[in-house]
């Protein structure tokens, strides 16, 4: 007697997804991340999400200024006025996206766009008397302020703005702060933190899992704990994925590469666990820099990770 086992892939709950490009590169010194949204689109994001059964609409790009048009202004927070204007427009589009029942999938640009994304998601749920959680997956903590930043680059400040530490203009989008309660904010995979910035992390009161935590405890344990924290008494959570979280061996084309990051499989496992929990409200991918990439490898991996976050499984 021969037994035949039939395997069927569990169906993915179809979502209506709106892709929003924010080609902002004013937040950092290395040019090229403004082309990140195009690189990710070229890697087939929309078609590959639709293959999973999702309904995808591309809203195009938010209009942004370029450095050649503007003066940097305050050296402790360069291009802050322009970045705040972009993030405010972006936050309004994210809010409208959620109001129409669609899931925002944001393509950066540098990580300063995260202040706009989180503001929009938080405002939508605030109007329903709900809190949101935040999972910030990054090699860096991005919690500098103009007083602590050694570079004055605003892409190192968006989490500080989200947590209410400043800079003030970026902090007060929609006129409330913080956007996320400290007990629902989690940093995952950090490994490069400025000396003064460490004090800001402590002052913010957020949970942090460094790469050492992932090394010692494993990705599953870390992600399950992170999702528990971000999901505690919230409507769900925003996931902000900086591609420099992945090791440069697998993601060479990023704004600020740091050795010792997540492996290819660790990165996929993290996204797959997020999908398993089913509480992701919105998703963003930032810091893809095709200028220094190799044959669009990093953008292609960004698409693969997005697919995993939106439910793609091995079997």
Protein backbone atom coordinates (compact mmCIF):
# COMPACT_ATOMS: atom_id res chain seq x y z
CA UNK A 1 0.00 0.00 0.00
CA UNK A 2 1.47 3.38 -1.01
CA UNK A 3 0.52 6.50 0.93
CA UNK A 4 0.61 9.76 -0.94
CA UNK A 5 0.73 12.99 1.06
CA UNK A 6 -0.79 16.03 -0.59
CA UNK A 7 0.57 19.36 0.51
CA UNK A 8 -1.41 22.53 0.03
CA UNK A 9 -0.15 26.01 0.73
CA UNK A 10 -2.30 27.92 3.21
CA UNK A 11 -4.11 30.76 1.48
CA UNK A 12 -2.89 34.29 2.09
CA UNK A 13 -5.50 36.79 3.24
CA UNK A 14 -5.71 39.21 0.33
CA UNK A 15 -5.00 42.82 1.19
CA UNK A 16 -5.50 46.06 -0.68
CA UNK A 17 -2.04 47.62 -0.75
CA UNK A 18 -1.10 51.14 -1.80
CA UNK A 19 2.55 51.68 -2.71
CA UNK A 20 3.84 55.16 -1.84
CA UNK A 21 7.26 56.32 -3.00
CA UNK A 22 9.13 58.97 -1.02
CA UNK A 23 12.39 59.62 -2.93
CA UNK A 24 13.89 61.76 -0.19
CA UNK A 25 17.67 61.99 0.19
CA UNK A 26 17.99 65.26 2.11
CA UNK A 27 18.45 63.39 5.38
CA UNK A 28 21.94 62.08 4.68
CA UNK A 29 25.21 62.96 3.00
CA UNK A 30 25.60 59.99 0.64
CA UNK A 31 23.51 60.53 -2.48
CA UNK A 32 21.50 57.89 -4.29
CA UNK A 33 18.71 56.72 -1.97
CA UNK A 34 16.30 59.00 -3.83
CA UNK A 35 16.43 56.33 -6.55
CA UNK A 36 15.47 53.60 -4.08
CA UNK A 37 11.73 53.60 -4.88
CA UNK A 38 12.44 53.18 -8.59
CA UNK A 39 14.91 50.35 -7.95
CA UNK A 40 12.36 48.46 -5.84
CA UNK A 41 9.66 48.96 -8.44
CA UNK A 42 12.02 47.72 -11.18
CA UNK A 43 12.57 44.58 -9.07
CA UNK A 44 8.89 43.73 -9.63
CA UNK A 45 7.27 44.68 -6.33
CA UNK A 46 3.74 45.21 -7.64
CA UNK A 47 3.54 42.13 -9.88
CA UNK A 48 5.07 39.85 -7.26
CA UNK A 49 2.65 41.03 -4.56
CA UNK A 50 -0.25 40.48 -6.95
CA UNK A 51 0.96 36.94 -7.56
CA UNK A 52 0.32 36.33 -3.86
CA UNK A 53 -3.28 37.45 -4.34
CA UNK A 54 -3.04 41.01 -3.06
CA UNK A 55 -4.60 43.97 -4.87
CA UNK A 56 -1.90 46.58 -5.43
CA UNK A 57 -2.21 50.23 -6.40
CA UNK A 58 0.85 52.41 -6.98
CA UNK A 59 0.25 56.00 -5.84
CA UNK A 60 3.50 57.20 -7.40
CA UNK A 61 5.99 59.41 -5.58
CA UNK A 62 5.61 62.26 -3.13
CA UNK A 63 7.19 65.40 -4.62
CA UNK A 64 10.42 66.23 -2.79
CA UNK A 65 13.09 68.91 -2.97
CA UNK A 66 16.64 68.09 -3.97
CA UNK A 67 19.79 69.49 -2.33
CA UNK A 68 20.67 71.48 -5.43
CA UNK A 69 17.48 73.52 -4.96
CA UNK A 70 17.84 74.35 -1.28
CA UNK A 71 20.29 75.48 1.37
CA UNK A 72 21.10 73.06 4.19
CA UNK A 73 20.19 75.55 6.90
CA UNK A 74 20.96 74.60 10.51
CA UNK A 75 24.14 72.43 10.45
CA UNK A 76 22.78 70.48 13.43
CA UNK A 77 19.63 69.46 11.48
CA UNK A 78 20.30 69.89 7.76
CA UNK A 79 17.33 70.49 5.44
CA UNK A 80 14.94 70.10 8.39
CA UNK A 81 12.35 72.49 6.91
CA UNK A 82 12.20 70.60 3.61
CA UNK A 83 12.22 67.18 5.27
CA UNK A 84 9.38 68.20 7.59
CA UNK A 85 7.35 69.49 4.63
CA UNK A 86 7.85 66.20 2.76
CA UNK A 87 7.02 64.08 5.82
CA UNK A 88 3.88 66.13 6.47
CA UNK A 89 2.60 65.59 2.90
CA UNK A 90 3.53 61.94 3.20
CA UNK A 91 1.74 61.56 6.56
CA UNK A 92 -1.44 62.99 5.05
CA UNK A 93 -1.32 60.48 2.18
CA UNK A 94 -0.70 57.59 4.60
CA UNK A 95 -3.71 58.74 6.64
CA UNK A 96 -5.92 58.89 3.51
CA UNK A 97 -4.66 55.46 2.45
CA UNK A 98 -5.76 53.90 5.72
CA UNK A 99 -9.09 55.72 5.57
CA UNK A 100 -9.80 53.95 2.27
CA UNK A 101 -9.06 50.56 3.80
CA UNK A 102 -5.69 50.08 2.13
CA UNK A 103 -2.37 49.07 3.66
CA UNK A 104 0.43 51.62 3.10
CA UNK A 105 3.62 50.13 1.69
CA UNK A 106 6.17 52.94 1.70
CA UNK A 107 9.37 53.02 -0.35
CA UNK A 108 12.16 55.36 0.76
CA UNK A 109 14.31 57.38 0.39
CA UNK A 110 16.33 57.82 3.54
CA UNK A 111 14.94 56.83 6.92
CA UNK A 112 13.71 60.30 7.78
CA UNK A 113 10.58 59.33 5.79
CA UNK A 114 9.68 57.10 8.74
CA UNK A 115 8.62 60.13 10.76
CA UNK A 116 5.95 60.82 8.15
CA UNK A 117 4.79 57.22 7.84
CA UNK A 118 4.40 56.69 11.58
CA UNK A 119 2.68 60.06 11.99
CA UNK A 120 0.05 59.10 9.43
CA UNK A 121 -0.58 55.64 10.88
CA UNK A 122 -0.66 56.93 14.46
CA UNK A 123 -3.09 59.75 13.55
CA UNK A 124 -5.48 57.35 11.81
CA UNK A 125 -5.69 55.16 14.90
CA UNK A 126 -5.67 58.10 17.35
CA UNK A 127 -8.93 59.25 15.76
CA UNK A 128 -10.34 55.86 16.78
CA UNK A 129 -8.91 56.12 20.30
CA UNK A 130 -6.37 53.42 19.53
CA UNK A 131 -2.61 53.18 20.02
CA UNK A 132 -0.14 51.68 17.58
CA UNK A 133 3.11 49.82 18.10
CA UNK A 134 6.35 50.31 16.21
CA UNK A 135 9.02 47.81 15.17
CA UNK A 136 12.10 49.67 13.94
CA UNK A 137 14.45 47.21 12.23
CA UNK A 138 17.78 48.89 11.62
CA UNK A 139 21.55 48.79 12.10
CA UNK A 140 21.20 52.20 13.77
CA UNK A 141 18.92 53.55 16.49
CA UNK A 142 18.01 56.75 14.57
CA UNK A 143 17.30 58.50 17.83
CA UNK A 144 19.72 61.39 17.61
CA UNK A 145 18.53 64.95 18.14
CA UNK A 146 20.08 68.16 16.79
CA UNK A 147 21.91 68.44 20.13
CA UNK A 148 23.40 64.93 20.00
CA UNK A 149 23.97 64.26 16.29
CA UNK A 150 27.64 64.35 15.22
CA UNK A 151 26.66 64.87 11.57
CA UNK A 152 23.45 66.89 11.61
CA UNK A 153 21.90 64.37 9.19
CA UNK A 154 18.18 64.08 9.87
CA UNK A 155 18.00 60.43 8.74
CA UNK A 156 19.54 59.71 12.14
CA UNK A 157 16.68 61.51 13.95
CA UNK A 158 13.27 60.12 12.86
CA UNK A 159 12.81 57.78 15.81
CA UNK A 160 13.67 60.65 18.16
CA UNK A 161 10.93 62.70 16.48
CA UNK A 162 8.45 59.84 16.76
CA UNK A 163 9.24 59.45 20.46
CA UNK A 164 8.87 63.18 21.14
CA UNK A 165 12.53 64.00 21.71
CA UNK A 166 12.88 66.34 18.71
CA UNK A 167 13.63 68.00 16.41
CA UNK A 168 10.47 69.94 17.22
CA UNK A 169 9.23 70.51 13.65
CA UNK A 170 9.37 66.82 12.80
CA UNK A 171 8.00 65.81 16.19
CA UNK A 172 4.80 67.84 15.93
CA UNK A 173 3.25 66.54 12.71
CA UNK A 174 -0.52 66.41 13.38
CA UNK A 175 0.18 68.31 16.63
CA UNK A 176 0.60 65.41 19.02
CA UNK A 177 3.57 63.66 20.53
CA UNK A 178 4.84 61.03 21.07
CA UNK A 179 3.38 59.14 18.14
CA UNK A 180 4.04 55.79 19.83
CA UNK A 181 4.12 55.01 23.55
CA UNK A 182 7.62 53.94 24.69
CA UNK A 183 6.29 50.63 25.99
CA UNK A 184 5.13 49.75 22.44
CA UNK A 185 8.31 50.73 20.56
CA UNK A 186 10.97 48.15 19.77
CA UNK A 187 14.36 48.46 18.05
CA UNK A 188 15.62 45.25 16.41
CA UNK A 189 19.10 44.44 15.11
CA UNK A 190 21.02 47.59 16.05
CA UNK A 191 24.80 47.43 16.06
CA UNK A 192 26.10 50.97 15.38
CA UNK A 193 25.11 53.63 17.93
CA UNK A 194 26.66 57.07 18.47
CA UNK A 195 28.04 57.62 21.98
CA UNK A 196 25.61 60.37 23.02
CA UNK A 197 22.77 58.60 21.24
CA UNK A 198 22.94 55.76 23.76
CA UNK A 199 21.66 58.13 26.41
CA UNK A 200 18.75 59.10 24.14
CA UNK A 201 17.81 55.42 23.84
CA UNK A 202 17.71 55.14 27.63
CA UNK A 203 15.83 58.42 27.97
CA UNK A 204 13.18 57.30 25.48
CA UNK A 205 12.47 54.17 27.53
CA UNK A 206 12.08 51.89 24.52
CA UNK A 207 12.99 48.22 24.21
CA UNK A 208 16.11 47.36 22.23
CA UNK A 209 17.32 44.05 20.80
CA UNK A 210 20.85 44.36 19.47
CA UNK A 211 22.58 41.97 17.07
CA UNK A 212 24.14 40.36 20.13
CA UNK A 213 20.64 39.52 21.39
CA UNK A 214 19.89 37.92 18.02
CA UNK A 215 23.21 36.02 18.13
CA UNK A 216 22.59 34.71 21.64
CA UNK A 217 18.83 34.17 21.65
CA UNK A 218 18.04 33.54 18.00
CA UNK A 219 15.85 35.46 15.60
CA UNK A 220 12.62 33.65 16.48
CA UNK A 221 12.86 34.43 20.20
CA UNK A 222 13.75 38.06 19.56
CA UNK A 223 10.98 38.64 17.03
CA UNK A 224 8.30 36.93 19.11
CA UNK A 225 9.23 39.15 22.06
CA UNK A 226 9.37 42.27 19.86
CA UNK A 227 5.92 41.58 18.43
CA UNK A 228 4.52 40.97 21.90
CA UNK A 229 5.83 44.36 23.07
CA UNK A 230 4.65 46.27 20.00
CA UNK A 231 1.28 44.54 20.02
CA UNK A 232 0.47 44.96 23.72
CA UNK A 233 -2.86 46.86 23.95
CA UNK A 234 -2.44 48.33 20.44
CA UNK A 235 -4.38 48.12 17.20
CA UNK A 236 -1.29 46.55 15.65
CA UNK A 237 2.09 47.88 14.57
CA UNK A 238 4.00 49.64 11.86
CA UNK A 239 7.12 47.86 10.59
CA UNK A 240 9.98 50.08 9.46
CA UNK A 241 12.71 48.12 7.67
CA UNK A 242 16.02 49.81 6.95
CA UNK A 243 17.88 47.59 4.49
CA UNK A 244 21.18 48.30 6.27
CA UNK A 245 19.90 45.94 8.96
CA UNK A 246 20.85 43.10 6.61
CA UNK A 247 24.55 42.29 6.39
CA UNK A 248 26.30 44.09 3.48
CA UNK A 249 27.22 40.68 2.04
CA UNK A 250 23.54 40.30 1.09
CA UNK A 251 22.52 43.97 0.91
CA UNK A 252 25.48 45.98 -0.44
CA UNK A 253 23.44 48.86 -1.83
CA UNK A 254 22.40 50.75 1.30
CA UNK A 255 22.88 54.27 2.57
CA UNK A 256 25.01 53.42 5.60
CA UNK A 257 26.34 49.83 5.51
CA UNK A 258 27.59 48.19 8.72
CA UNK A 259 29.17 44.73 8.90
CA UNK A 260 27.67 42.06 11.14
CA UNK A 261 24.00 42.34 10.20
CA UNK A 262 21.21 39.84 9.76
CA UNK A 263 21.80 37.02 7.30
CA UNK A 264 19.58 36.40 4.29
CA UNK A 265 17.63 33.68 6.10
CA UNK A 266 17.42 35.57 9.41
CA UNK A 267 15.91 38.53 7.57
CA UNK A 268 13.31 36.35 5.87
CA UNK A 269 12.48 34.57 9.12
CA UNK A 270 11.82 37.92 10.83
CA UNK A 271 9.42 38.94 8.06
CA UNK A 272 7.73 35.53 8.02
CA UNK A 273 7.09 35.72 11.77
CA UNK A 274 5.57 39.18 11.32
CA UNK A 275 3.25 37.75 8.66
CA UNK A 276 2.31 34.80 10.89
CA UNK A 277 1.08 37.16 13.62
CA UNK A 278 -1.13 39.05 11.16
CA UNK A 279 -1.14 42.39 13.01
CA UNK A 280 1.01 44.55 10.72
CA UNK A 281 -0.77 47.82 9.96
CA UNK A 282 1.75 49.27 7.51
CA UNK A 283 5.20 48.56 6.15
CA UNK A 284 8.12 50.58 4.81
CA UNK A 285 11.46 49.82 3.20
CA UNK A 286 14.14 52.51 3.26
CA UNK A 287 17.77 53.29 2.42
CA UNK A 288 18.06 51.27 -0.82
CA UNK A 289 20.84 52.97 -2.78
CA UNK A 290 21.15 51.65 -6.35
CA UNK A 291 24.19 53.86 -7.01
CA UNK A 292 26.33 51.55 -4.87
CA UNK A 293 24.32 48.36 -5.37
CA UNK A 294 25.39 45.31 -7.40
CA UNK A 295 22.96 44.46 -10.25
CA UNK A 296 19.99 45.67 -8.12
CA UNK A 297 20.61 42.90 -5.58
CA UNK A 298 19.54 44.99 -2.60
CA UNK A 299 16.31 46.16 -4.23
CA UNK A 300 15.52 42.58 -5.23
CA UNK A 301 16.07 41.43 -1.64
CA UNK A 302 13.88 44.30 -0.43
CA UNK A 303 11.06 42.98 -2.61
CA UNK A 304 11.62 39.43 -1.35
CA UNK A 305 11.43 40.61 2.25
CA UNK A 306 8.28 42.58 1.54
CA UNK A 307 6.72 39.44 0.05
CA UNK A 308 7.58 37.49 3.21
CA UNK A 309 6.10 40.26 5.38
CA UNK A 310 2.91 40.12 3.31
CA UNK A 311 2.51 36.38 3.66
CA UNK A 312 4.70 34.50 1.19
CA UNK A 313 5.77 31.12 2.57
CA UNK A 314 8.28 28.53 1.47
CA UNK A 315 5.61 25.85 1.38
